[in-house]
Amino acid sequence: MKSISILSGLFVSTLALAGCGEPAAPPSTADTTPTAAAVTVADAWCRPSPNGAKAGGCYVTLTAATDDRLTGGSTPRAGDLQIHEMKTENGMMKMGQLAEGLPLAAGETTALAPGGNHLMLIGLTAPLIAGETVPITLQFASAPAVTVEAQVRQPPMAGMDHGAH
């Protein structure tokens, strides 16, 4: 019975000491905004550029978790990276910069591909040579920047898909 009494006394003493400690911290007022959802980048590649070319085209496939916008990017291989679109106006193909960036719909895959939207590397520091890789950092309106290594390679030739062989 004496051991029960001692244990009860220790328990009561522990509770009493706990009540004498520091007051509980107030709820945190730190920014609890969730971090921006990521954009997944796949199949990054660039076309080889001829010697002396001042610009080169690169392509990627993007999937955003939430609505976002590709706003630009950079690479040590060029002075500027721009987002361009190809469109037909009055029967003529035209290429132009998307100054406001490229919208990315939540959960949808957006492919930047030859003949359509693409990345233009302006002011190349050296030709893009097949077999090498080019680091490209993509910037988004909400998501964190993503850096990828784009493979320099020839695009597949139209009508040359021999995947069944």
Foldseek 3Di string as FASTA:
>chain_A
DVVVVVVVVVVVVVVVVVVVDDPDDDDDPPDPPDAAWAKDKDQWAWEWDDWPDQKTWIKIKIATQAKKFFQAWDFPFAPGKFKKFWDADPNDIDIDTPNRGGIHHHGDIDICDPPGITIMGGGGPGTQDAAAWTWMWIDMPGHHIDIDTHGHDHDDDPPPDPVVD
